[in-house]
Amino acid sequence: MSTNSISSPTTDFTAIANQLFKQIDRNHDGQLSSSEFGSFLTSLVTTLSKGTQAPTSPVGMGAQADDPAPTPQPFSPVDTRWVMAGFSPQNHIGETPTIITPKYAVYNELATLANDPAFDQHNFAEQAAADLQKLFGNPMWTDGKPLFRALDTETLVYGDEYVHTAPVGHGLHRGEYDPTAPGEFIWGVLQS
């Protein structure tokens, strides 16, 4: 009786997993932070949403040199007089928004738009959606539509979350009302 040597699939998988881990662990500390993992997922989803073929090995995973994916910067809140109901920017300073956790990139986009003297609170959603789609590399949602999109002219939808404008005081807790604020953005989750 003869036996044949077969390479172990576990060994091959382990080598690939180790190689992938080394690429994702950007600061080489031997641990994956949520930011490192989020950046990897953003890169992977961006690559797949562009209709490009996913790499067959972990090396080179993400954007190609001739088609760099945009990279959101670590969160530093844009000052605005607008009330941002449902946001807690003080708790997210320094975090890098990803396609999985884009809420504070949305915050900065809306604050930046609202700070423009020509801002129209009844007609902002399409511009915000276009800017965010560009920032994140044109990602698509599970329904095949762009991740960031205008539900109407004053409601931005991303994934299962939304932001809508309202009169000041609509979505605030006691003590948060600012009668001098020009308006309010309300964050919420879509109900299915």
Protein backbone atom coordinates (compact mmCIF):
# COMPACT_ATOMS: atom_id res chain seq x y z
CA MET A 1 0.00 0.00 0.00
CA SER A 2 1.37 3.38 -0.93
CA THR A 3 0.65 6.73 0.67
CA ASN A 4 0.75 10.14 -0.89
CA SER A 5 1.84 13.26 0.93
CA ILE A 6 -0.81 15.95 0.90
CA SER A 7 -0.09 19.46 2.09
CA SER A 8 -2.19 20.44 5.04
CA PRO A 9 -4.88 23.04 4.26
CA THR A 10 -4.51 24.28 7.83
CA THR A 11 -0.86 25.12 7.23
CA ASP A 12 -1.71 27.05 4.05
CA PHE A 13 -4.52 28.90 5.83
CA THR A 14 -2.29 29.70 8.79
CA ALA A 15 0.38 31.17 6.51
CA ILE A 16 -2.19 33.30 4.68
CA ALA A 17 -3.76 34.44 7.97
CA ASN A 18 -0.34 35.39 9.35
CA GLN A 19 0.53 37.31 6.19
CA LEU A 20 -2.83 39.13 6.28
CA PHE A 21 -2.40 39.96 9.97
CA LYS A 22 1.03 41.46 9.32
CA GLN A 23 -0.39 43.67 6.57
CA ILE A 24 -3.36 44.88 8.62
CA ASP A 25 -1.28 45.51 11.77
CA ARG A 26 0.08 48.81 10.43
CA ASN A 27 1.93 49.86 13.59
CA HIS A 28 3.41 46.34 13.98
CA ASP A 29 2.53 46.05 17.68
CA GLY A 30 1.25 42.50 17.30
CA GLN A 31 -2.37 43.56 17.99
CA LEU A 32 -5.21 44.75 15.75
CA SER A 33 -6.89 47.95 16.85
CA SER A 34 -10.45 48.70 15.80
CA SER A 35 -9.03 51.46 13.58
CA GLU A 36 -6.63 49.07 11.81
CA PHE A 37 -9.35 46.48 11.30
CA GLY A 38 -11.84 49.15 10.17
CA SER A 39 -9.34 50.51 7.65
CA PHE A 40 -8.81 47.00 6.28
CA LEU A 41 -12.56 46.41 5.95
CA THR A 42 -13.05 49.81 4.31
CA SER A 43 -10.33 49.01 1.79
CA LEU A 44 -11.77 45.56 1.09
CA VAL A 45 -15.37 46.78 0.71
CA THR A 46 -14.24 49.72 -1.45
CA THR A 47 -12.32 47.37 -3.73
CA LEU A 48 -15.26 45.00 -4.02
CA SER A 49 -17.85 47.77 -4.50
CA LYS A 50 -15.88 49.15 -7.45
CA GLY A 51 -16.46 45.85 -9.21
CA THR A 52 -12.79 45.02 -9.29
CA GLN A 53 -11.63 41.50 -8.70
CA ALA A 54 -10.60 40.90 -5.12
CA PRO A 55 -6.95 39.92 -4.75
CA THR A 56 -6.28 36.22 -4.37
CA SER A 57 -3.68 36.82 -1.69
CA PRO A 58 -3.54 39.27 1.18
CA VAL A 59 -0.56 41.11 -0.28
CA GLY A 60 -1.75 44.17 -2.15
CA MET A 61 -5.26 43.98 -0.74
CA GLY A 62 -6.94 47.36 -1.01
CA ALA A 63 -6.59 50.12 -3.58
CA GLN A 64 -4.10 49.76 -6.39
CA ALA A 65 -1.31 52.32 -6.81
CA ASP A 66 -2.99 53.82 -9.88
CA ASP A 67 -6.41 54.05 -8.15
CA PRO A 68 -5.83 55.17 -4.58
CA ALA A 69 -8.81 54.99 -2.26
CA PRO A 70 -9.52 58.17 -0.31
CA THR A 71 -8.57 58.02 3.33
CA PRO A 72 -10.74 59.75 5.94
CA GLN A 73 -8.68 61.58 8.51
CA PRO A 74 -8.89 60.97 12.29
CA PHE A 75 -11.94 62.76 13.66
CA SER A 76 -11.53 66.30 14.90
CA PRO A 77 -14.94 67.98 15.17
CA VAL A 78 -15.64 70.94 12.93
CA ASP A 79 -16.98 73.81 15.01
CA THR A 80 -20.53 74.78 14.12
CA ARG A 81 -23.36 76.75 15.69
CA TRP A 82 -25.79 74.09 14.45
CA VAL A 83 -27.14 71.68 17.04
CA MET A 84 -26.09 68.10 16.26
CA ALA A 85 -28.69 65.97 18.08
CA GLY A 86 -27.74 62.31 18.46
CA PHE A 87 -24.02 62.92 18.05
CA SER A 88 -21.38 62.83 20.80
CA PRO A 89 -18.26 64.19 19.11
CA GLN A 90 -16.34 64.56 22.36
CA ASN A 91 -16.32 60.76 22.67
CA HIS A 92 -14.83 60.11 19.23
CA ILE A 93 -11.95 62.58 18.86
CA GLY A 94 -9.00 60.93 17.13
CA GLU A 95 -10.96 57.94 15.79
CA THR A 96 -10.68 57.39 12.05
CA PRO A 97 -14.12 57.06 10.42
CA THR A 98 -14.49 53.96 8.24
CA ILE A 99 -17.13 52.66 5.91
CA ILE A 100 -18.32 50.56 8.86
CA THR A 101 -18.39 53.54 11.26
CA PRO A 102 -18.87 56.70 9.17
CA LYS A 103 -21.02 58.69 11.64
CA TYR A 104 -18.40 61.28 12.56
CA ALA A 105 -17.33 61.82 8.94
CA VAL A 106 -21.03 62.60 8.41
CA TYR A 107 -20.89 64.98 11.39
CA ASN A 108 -17.97 66.92 9.90
CA GLU A 109 -19.50 67.00 6.42
CA LEU A 110 -22.76 68.44 7.73
CA ALA A 111 -21.03 70.92 10.04
CA THR A 112 -18.85 72.11 7.15
CA LEU A 113 -21.85 72.52 4.83
CA ALA A 114 -23.89 74.30 7.55
CA ASN A 115 -21.05 76.76 8.20
CA ASP A 116 -21.28 78.05 4.62
CA PRO A 117 -23.31 81.29 4.58
CA ALA A 118 -25.15 80.01 1.48
CA PHE A 119 -26.22 76.77 3.25
CA ASP A 120 -29.83 75.78 2.52
CA GLN A 121 -31.14 73.42 5.22
CA HIS A 122 -33.92 72.32 2.89
CA ASN A 123 -31.54 71.34 0.08
CA PHE A 124 -28.30 69.82 1.41
CA ALA A 125 -28.64 66.04 1.27
CA GLU A 126 -27.52 65.44 -2.33
CA GLN A 127 -24.32 67.48 -1.86
CA ALA A 128 -23.52 65.75 1.44
CA ALA A 129 -24.12 62.31 -0.10
CA ALA A 130 -21.90 63.08 -3.11
CA ASP A 131 -19.08 64.40 -0.90
CA LEU A 132 -19.22 61.38 1.43
CA GLN A 133 -19.42 58.87 -1.44
CA LYS A 134 -16.25 60.45 -2.84
CA LEU A 135 -14.49 60.47 0.55
CA PHE A 136 -15.12 56.75 1.08
CA GLY A 137 -14.42 55.62 -2.50
CA ASN A 138 -18.00 55.27 -3.79
CA PRO A 139 -19.15 52.38 -1.56
CA MET A 140 -22.40 50.55 -2.25
CA TRP A 141 -24.99 49.41 0.31
CA THR A 142 -26.40 45.89 0.42
CA ASP A 143 -29.33 46.96 -1.79
CA GLY A 144 -26.92 47.91 -4.59
CA LYS A 145 -27.47 51.65 -4.10
CA PRO A 146 -24.77 54.09 -2.99
CA LEU A 147 -24.06 53.87 0.74
CA PHE A 148 -24.53 57.63 1.17
CA ARG A 149 -27.64 58.95 -0.56
CA ALA A 150 -30.32 61.61 -0.32
CA LEU A 151 -33.68 60.23 0.77
CA ASP A 152 -35.09 63.67 -0.01
CA THR A 153 -33.52 67.13 -0.19
CA GLU A 154 -33.14 67.42 3.60
CA THR A 155 -32.49 63.82 4.67
CA LEU A 156 -29.14 62.08 4.26
CA VAL A 157 -29.25 58.28 4.53
CA TYR A 158 -26.21 56.04 5.01
CA GLY A 159 -26.65 52.36 5.63
CA ASP A 160 -29.45 52.07 8.17
CA GLU A 161 -28.86 55.53 9.66
CA TYR A 162 -30.10 58.97 8.68
CA VAL A 163 -29.66 62.66 9.47
CA HIS A 164 -32.47 65.16 8.93
CA THR A 165 -32.81 68.89 9.60
CA ALA A 166 -35.35 70.23 12.09
CA PRO A 167 -36.16 73.34 14.09
CA VAL A 168 -33.91 73.78 17.12
CA GLY A 169 -35.09 71.79 20.12
CA HIS A 170 -36.71 68.91 18.28
CA GLY A 171 -34.29 66.13 19.28
CA LEU A 172 -32.67 67.54 22.40
CA HIS A 173 -32.53 66.51 26.03
CA ARG A 174 -33.42 68.90 28.82
CA GLY A 175 -30.75 71.59 29.18
CA GLU A 176 -29.35 71.21 25.64
CA TYR A 177 -31.57 73.79 23.94
CA ASP A 178 -29.70 76.70 22.33
CA PRO A 179 -32.10 79.42 21.16
CA THR A 180 -29.29 81.11 19.18
CA ALA A 181 -28.54 78.06 17.01
CA PRO A 182 -29.60 78.50 13.37
CA GLY A 183 -30.92 74.93 13.09
CA GLU A 184 -30.56 71.32 14.12
CA PHE A 185 -29.44 68.08 12.53
CA ILE A 186 -31.10 65.01 14.03
CA TRP A 187 -29.38 61.62 13.74
CA GLY A 188 -31.46 58.44 13.84
CA VAL A 189 -31.71 54.79 12.81
CA LEU A 190 -34.14 53.65 10.12
CA GLN A 191 -36.78 51.23 11.28
CA SER A 192 -37.48 48.22 9.10
